[in-house]
C-alpha atoms as a PDB file:
ATOM      1  CA  UNK A   1      64.138  74.742 125.161  1.00  0.00           C
ATOM      2  CA  UNK A   2      65.304  74.335 121.554  1.00  0.00           C
ATOM      3  CA  UNK A   3      67.892  77.108 122.016  1.00  0.00           C
ATOM      4  CA  UNK A   4      69.259  75.403 125.138  1.00  0.00           C
ATOM      5  CA  UNK A   5      69.568  72.081 123.333  1.00  0.00           C
ATOM      6  CA  UNK A   6      71.226  73.778 120.357  1.00  0.00           C
ATOM      7  CA  UNK A   7      73.744  75.493 122.645  1.00  0.00           C
ATOM      8  CA  UNK A   8      74.572  72.256 124.438  1.00  0.00           C
ATOM      9  CA  UNK A   9      74.910  70.460 121.095  1.00  0.00           C
ATOM     10  CA  UNK A  10      77.333  73.050 119.693  1.00  0.00           C
ATOM     11  CA  UNK A  11      79.418  73.069 122.866  1.00  0.00           C
ATOM     12  CA  UNK A  12      79.595  69.295 122.835  1.00  0.00           C
ATOM     13  CA  UNK A  13      80.541  69.194 119.155  1.00  0.00           C
ATOM     14  CA  UNK A  14      83.372  71.691 119.606  1.00  0.00           C
ATOM     15  CA  UNK A  15      84.636  69.973 122.745  1.00  0.00           C
ATOM     16  CA  UNK A  16      84.519  66.578 121.036  1.00  0.00           C
ATOM     17  CA  UNK A  17      86.538  67.929 118.135  1.00  0.00           C
ATOM     18  CA  UNK A  18      89.181  69.149 120.607  1.00  0.00           C
ATOM     19  CA  UNK A  19      88.749  72.783 119.602  1.00  0.00           C
ATOM     20  CA  UNK A  20      87.983  75.756 121.785  1.00  0.00           C
ATOM     21  CA  UNK A  21      85.912  78.568 120.251  1.00  0.00           C
ATOM     22  CA  UNK A  22      88.457  81.158 121.411  1.00  0.00           C
ATOM     23  CA  UNK A  23      91.298  79.199 119.842  1.00  0.00           C
ATOM     24  CA  UNK A  24      89.484  79.326 116.509  1.00  0.00           C
ATOM     25  CA  UNK A  25      88.995  83.102 116.752  1.00  0.00           C
ATOM     26  CA  UNK A  26      92.598  83.884 117.695  1.00  0.00           C
ATOM     27  CA  UNK A  27      94.321  81.881 114.978  1.00  0.00           C
ATOM     28  CA  UNK A  28      96.235  83.741 112.267  1.00  0.00           C
ATOM     29  CA  UNK A  29      94.644  83.726 108.819  1.00  0.00           C
ATOM     30  CA  UNK A  30      95.212  80.501 106.919  1.00  0.00           C
ATOM     31  CA  UNK A  31      96.148  82.211 103.643  1.00  0.00           C
ATOM     32  CA  UNK A  32      97.113  85.545 102.165  1.00  0.00           C
ATOM     33  CA  UNK A  33      94.966  86.946  99.358  1.00  0.00           C
ATOM     34  CA  UNK A  34      96.821  88.418  96.393  1.00  0.00           C
ATOM     35  CA  UNK A  35      94.736  90.403  93.912  1.00  0.00           C
ATOM     36  CA  UNK A  36      96.001  90.398  90.360  1.00  0.00           C
ATOM     37  CA  UNK A  37      94.337  92.689  87.859  1.00  0.00           C
ATOM     38  CA  UNK A  38      93.802  91.258  84.381  1.00  0.00           C
ATOM     39  CA  UNK A  39      95.605  92.951  81.469  1.00  0.00           C
ATOM     40  CA  UNK A  40      92.256  94.110  80.030  1.00  0.00           C
ATOM     41  CA  UNK A  41      91.552  96.134  83.177  1.00  0.00           C
ATOM     42  CA  UNK A  42      95.031  97.659  83.092  1.00  0.00           C
ATOM     43  CA  UNK A  43      94.474  98.653  79.424  1.00  0.00           C
ATOM     44  CA  UNK A  44      91.167 100.278  80.403  1.00  0.00           C
ATOM     45  CA  UNK A  45      92.655 102.209  83.337  1.00  0.00           C
ATOM     46  CA  UNK A  46      95.814 103.468  81.557  1.00  0.00           C
ATOM     47  CA  UNK A  47      93.965 106.047  79.398  1.00  0.00           C
ATOM     48  CA  UNK A  48      92.064 107.281  82.454  1.00  0.00           C
ATOM     49  CA  UNK A  49      95.339 107.987  84.228  1.00  0.00           C
ATOM     50  CA  UNK A  50      96.708 109.769  81.156  1.00  0.00           C
ATOM     51  CA  UNK A  51      93.591 111.874  80.461  1.00  0.00           C
ATOM     52  CA  UNK A  52      92.745 112.589  84.112  1.00  0.00           C
ATOM     53  CA  UNK A  53      95.985 112.476  86.132  1.00  0.00           C
ATOM     54  CA  UNK A  54      94.283 113.776  89.299  1.00  0.00           C
ATOM     55  CA  UNK A  55      91.073 112.900  91.094  1.00  0.00           C
ATOM     56  CA  UNK A  56      89.127 114.324  94.012  1.00  0.00           C
ATOM     57  CA  UNK A  57      90.343 113.179  97.393  1.00  0.00           C
ATOM     58  CA  UNK A  58      91.926 114.414 100.600  1.00  0.00           C
ATOM     59  CA  UNK A  59      95.311 115.358 101.980  1.00  0.00           C
ATOM     60  CA  UNK A  60      96.453 116.295 105.463  1.00  0.00           C
ATOM     61  CA  UNK A  61      97.614 119.896 105.738  1.00  0.00           C
ATOM     62  CA  UNK A  62     100.375 120.284 108.297  1.00  0.00           C
ATOM     63  CA  UNK A  63     101.525 123.863 107.681  1.00  0.00           C
ATOM     64  CA  UNK A  64     100.375 127.154 106.162  1.00  0.00           C
ATOM     65  CA  UNK A  65     102.856 130.020 106.373  1.00  0.00           C
ATOM     66  CA  UNK A  66     103.680 133.177 104.469  1.00  0.00           C
ATOM     67  CA  UNK A  67     107.441 132.530 104.863  1.00  0.00           C
ATOM     68  CA  UNK A  68     108.923 130.376 102.094  1.00  0.00           C
ATOM     69  CA  UNK A  69     112.075 129.571 104.078  1.00  0.00           C
ATOM     70  CA  UNK A  70     110.025 128.153 106.964  1.00  0.00           C
ATOM     71  CA  UNK A  71     108.011 125.992 104.561  1.00  0.00           C
ATOM     72  CA  UNK A  72     111.149 124.651 102.862  1.00  0.00           C
ATOM     73  CA  UNK A  73     112.802 123.861 106.201  1.00  0.00           C
ATOM     74  CA  UNK A  74     109.690 122.062 107.446  1.00  0.00           C
ATOM     75  CA  UNK A  75     109.417 120.123 104.170  1.00  0.00           C
ATOM     76  CA  UNK A  76     113.023 118.926 104.557  1.00  0.00           C
ATOM     77  CA  UNK A  77     112.262 117.776 108.093  1.00  0.00           C
ATOM     78  CA  UNK A  78     109.242 115.797 106.888  1.00  0.00           C
ATOM     79  CA  UNK A  79     111.171 114.240 103.988  1.00  0.00           C
ATOM     80  CA  UNK A  80     113.889 113.025 106.368  1.00  0.00           C
ATOM     81  CA  UNK A  81     111.537 111.859 109.122  1.00  0.00           C
ATOM     82  CA  UNK A  82     108.782 110.308 106.968  1.00  0.00           C
ATOM     83  CA  UNK A  83     110.379 109.276 103.648  1.00  0.00           C
ATOM     84  CA  UNK A  84     107.475 106.944 102.794  1.00  0.00           C
ATOM     85  CA  UNK A  85     104.873 109.776 102.808  1.00  0.00           C
ATOM     86  CA  UNK A  86     104.223 111.807  99.669  1.00  0.00           C
ATOM     87  CA  UNK A  87     104.806 115.454 100.649  1.00  0.00           C
ATOM     88  CA  UNK A  88     103.514 118.415  98.626  1.00  0.00           C
ATOM     89  CA  UNK A  89     104.550 122.054  98.912  1.00  0.00           C
ATOM     90  CA  UNK A  90     102.145 124.433  97.183  1.00  0.00           C
ATOM     91  CA  UNK A  91     101.758 128.187  97.027  1.00  0.00           C
ATOM     92  CA  UNK A  92      98.308 129.755  97.234  1.00  0.00           C
ATOM     93  CA  UNK A  93      98.813 133.468  97.737  1.00  0.00           C
ATOM     94  CA  UNK A  94      99.801 134.525 100.326  1.00  0.00           C
ATOM     95  CA  UNK A  95     100.524 131.101 101.892  1.00  0.00           C
ATOM     96  CA  UNK A  96     102.941 128.247 101.335  1.00  0.00           C
ATOM     97  CA  UNK A  97     101.132 125.059 102.307  1.00  0.00           C
ATOM     98  CA  UNK A  98     102.533 121.658 103.159  1.00  0.00           C
ATOM     99  CA  UNK A  99     100.205 118.732 102.637  1.00  0.00           C
ATOM    100  CA  UNK A 100     100.867 115.013 102.840  1.00  0.00           C
ATOM    101  CA  UNK A 101      99.263 111.871 101.475  1.00  0.00           C
ATOM    102  CA  UNK A 102      96.841 110.854  98.757  1.00  0.00           C
ATOM    103  CA  UNK A 103      93.637 109.671 100.410  1.00  0.00           C
ATOM    104  CA  UNK A 104      90.338 108.789  98.740  1.00  0.00           C
ATOM    105  CA  UNK A 105      88.229 109.424 101.882  1.00  0.00           C
ATOM    106  CA  UNK A 106      88.416 111.539 105.027  1.00  0.00           C
ATOM    107  CA  UNK A 107      88.572 108.388 107.133  1.00  0.00           C
ATOM    108  CA  UNK A 108      91.695 107.233 105.275  1.00  0.00           C
ATOM    109  CA  UNK A 109      93.263 110.651 105.859  1.00  0.00           C
ATOM    110  CA  UNK A 110      92.568 110.500 109.587  1.00  0.00           C
ATOM    111  CA  UNK A 111      94.385 107.146 109.681  1.00  0.00           C
ATOM    112  CA  UNK A 112      97.599 109.193 109.457  1.00  0.00           C
ATOM    113  CA  UNK A 113      96.968 110.729 112.897  1.00  0.00           C
ATOM    114  CA  UNK A 114      98.353 107.809 114.983  1.00  0.00           C
ATOM    115  CA  UNK A 115     101.644 108.031 113.059  1.00  0.00           C
ATOM    116  CA  UNK A 116     102.071 111.780 113.544  1.00  0.00           C
ATOM    117  CA  UNK A 117     100.513 112.468 116.961  1.00  0.00           C
ATOM    118  CA  UNK A 118     103.672 111.683 118.938  1.00  0.00           C
ATOM    119  CA  UNK A 119     105.812 114.034 116.802  1.00  0.00           C
ATOM    120  CA  UNK A 120     105.521 117.417 118.540  1.00  0.00           C
ATOM    121  CA  UNK A 121     107.233 119.212 115.658  1.00  0.00           C
ATOM    122  CA  UNK A 122     104.391 118.155 113.395  1.00  0.00           C
ATOM    123  CA  UNK A 123     101.386 118.281 115.723  1.00  0.00           C
ATOM    124  CA  UNK A 124     101.815 121.720 117.262  1.00  0.00           C
ATOM    125  CA  UNK A 125     101.568 123.322 113.810  1.00  0.00           C
ATOM    126  CA  UNK A 126      98.249 121.680 113.004  1.00  0.00           C
ATOM    127  CA  UNK A 127      96.642 118.598 111.493  1.00  0.00           C
ATOM    128  CA  UNK A 128      93.828 119.419 109.083  1.00  0.00           C
ATOM    129  CA  UNK A 129      92.187 117.070 106.604  1.00  0.00           C
ATOM    130  CA  UNK A 130      91.438 119.124 103.490  1.00  0.00           C
ATOM    131  CA  UNK A 131      89.871 118.310 100.105  1.00  0.00           C
ATOM    132  CA  UNK A 132      92.424 118.320  97.300  1.00  0.00           C
ATOM    133  CA  UNK A 133      93.240 116.864  93.901  1.00  0.00           C
ATOM    134  CA  UNK A 134      95.194 113.649  94.493  1.00  0.00           C
ATOM    135  CA  UNK A 135      97.186 111.250  92.344  1.00  0.00           C
ATOM    136  CA  UNK A 136      95.691 107.932  91.285  1.00  0.00           C
ATOM    137  CA  UNK A 137      96.570 105.053  93.608  1.00  0.00           C
ATOM    138  CA  UNK A 138      98.851 102.397  92.106  1.00  0.00           C
ATOM    139  CA  UNK A 139      97.397  99.050  91.181  1.00  0.00           C
ATOM    140  CA  UNK A 140      99.197  96.157  92.858  1.00  0.00           C
END
């Protein structure tokens, strides 16, 4: 009985205020949050970046081939098609590997899939999330 009265009371209060619950849920956020790091934190992090330029993370491997020319051609295609993605060409005998991104977790790396899945040139060669040494993310 108390739950029924509480429900009726909340519905009445929202109706009296002229607001619909669904209108409240579908409104855009009222403000944008901007995070600013204090100078002390930046001074603390700078030596870490200098002493340890790489950290453990993940990249998405899109190609592994023994032909250097194929790897270079594919890298050029990726640079032209996805200029915002960091693209890495490495050689681990006997393969040239193309990997993209700097992701801290596997889940972040898989977030690249929706961007690449419609590109048949990329997808038919493979999409593998692999552990790798990544660059530090930039502080805003």
